[in-house]
Each structure stands twice: as structure tokens, then as C-alpha cells.
Amino acid sequence: MAKKKVKNKNPSKKFEKYTVKDGAVERKAVCPKCGPGVFLALHKDRKTCGKCGYSIVNK
């Protein structure tokens, strides 16, 4: 039986939503209406919440 070829896997991007400052973990973009736990999606020209539809336009 021949071995299966292993595909190159992309690293996880879930850690890009957090930053570390002074030994504490902080979330980057959080929805102000929904509260912590709901991130804002980063688009080319705006940030939007997938839960409530709140959006911030970048200049």
C-alpha cells in the first residue's frame, strides 16, 4: 500500500485576532454593541460585525 502525500497546511490565523501587551492578552477588534467575544471582520474599507451588522468605515 502506497503512502498518502501530505498536503502543505496553512498555519492557523486565529492568533492574528489577539495581541500581547505587558504579559496580558488583548483582543484586537471587538464589536461595541455585542460586547466581548464578538469580533469585527476586517475588510479593505471597513470593519463589520457578523452578528448585528454594525460597521465602521476606514478613512
Protein backbone atom coordinates (compact mmCIF):
# COMPACT_ATOMS: atom_id res chain seq x y z
CA MET A 1 0.00 0.00 0.00
CA ALA A 2 1.43 3.38 -1.01
CA LYS A 3 1.72 6.22 1.47
CA LYS A 4 -0.57 9.23 1.06
CA LYS A 5 1.03 12.53 0.17
CA VAL A 6 0.75 15.15 2.90
CA LYS A 7 -0.53 18.50 1.66
CA ASN A 8 1.11 21.65 2.91
CA LYS A 9 -1.16 23.11 5.57
CA ASN A 10 -1.59 26.83 6.15
CA PRO A 11 -0.93 27.95 9.72
CA SER A 12 -3.93 28.90 11.83
CA LYS A 13 -4.99 32.54 11.63
CA LYS A 14 -6.95 32.63 14.88
CA PHE A 15 -3.94 34.06 16.73
CA GLU A 16 -3.93 37.17 14.49
CA LYS A 17 -7.01 38.45 16.36
CA TYR A 18 -5.07 38.86 19.61
CA THR A 19 -2.11 40.95 20.80
CA VAL A 20 0.10 40.63 23.88
CA LYS A 21 0.85 43.76 25.92
CA ASP A 22 2.68 43.66 29.25
CA GLY A 23 2.06 39.92 29.60
CA ALA A 24 -1.71 40.27 29.09
CA VAL A 25 -3.65 39.07 26.05
CA GLU A 26 -5.89 41.68 24.38
CA ARG A 27 -8.46 41.25 21.61
CA LYS A 28 -7.96 43.48 18.57
CA ALA A 29 -11.33 44.46 17.09
CA VAL A 30 -14.40 43.78 19.27
CA CYS A 31 -17.95 44.89 18.46
CA PRO A 32 -19.02 47.73 20.80
CA LYS A 33 -22.71 46.72 20.58
CA CYS A 34 -22.37 42.95 21.08
CA GLY A 35 -19.54 43.15 23.60
CA PRO A 36 -16.52 40.93 24.17
CA GLY A 37 -16.48 37.63 22.34
CA VAL A 38 -17.73 39.02 19.01
CA PHE A 39 -15.00 40.18 16.65
CA LEU A 40 -15.26 42.70 13.83
CA ALA A 41 -14.37 41.40 10.36
CA LEU A 42 -11.57 43.43 8.78
CA HIS A 43 -12.38 44.39 5.19
CA LYS A 44 -10.50 46.62 2.76
CA ASP A 45 -12.51 49.77 3.54
CA ARG A 46 -14.46 48.92 6.71
CA LYS A 47 -14.84 46.79 9.83
CA THR A 48 -18.14 44.93 10.25
CA CYS A 49 -19.81 42.75 12.87
CA GLY A 50 -21.21 39.49 11.54
CA LYS A 51 -23.76 39.20 14.33
CA CYS A 52 -25.51 42.59 14.43
CA GLY A 53 -24.29 44.28 11.22
CA TYR A 54 -22.51 47.18 12.96
CA SER A 55 -19.85 48.73 10.69
CA ILE A 56 -17.03 51.26 10.97
CA VAL A 57 -15.73 52.91 7.77
CA ASN A 58 -11.95 53.34 7.48
CA LYS A 59 -10.69 56.60 6.06
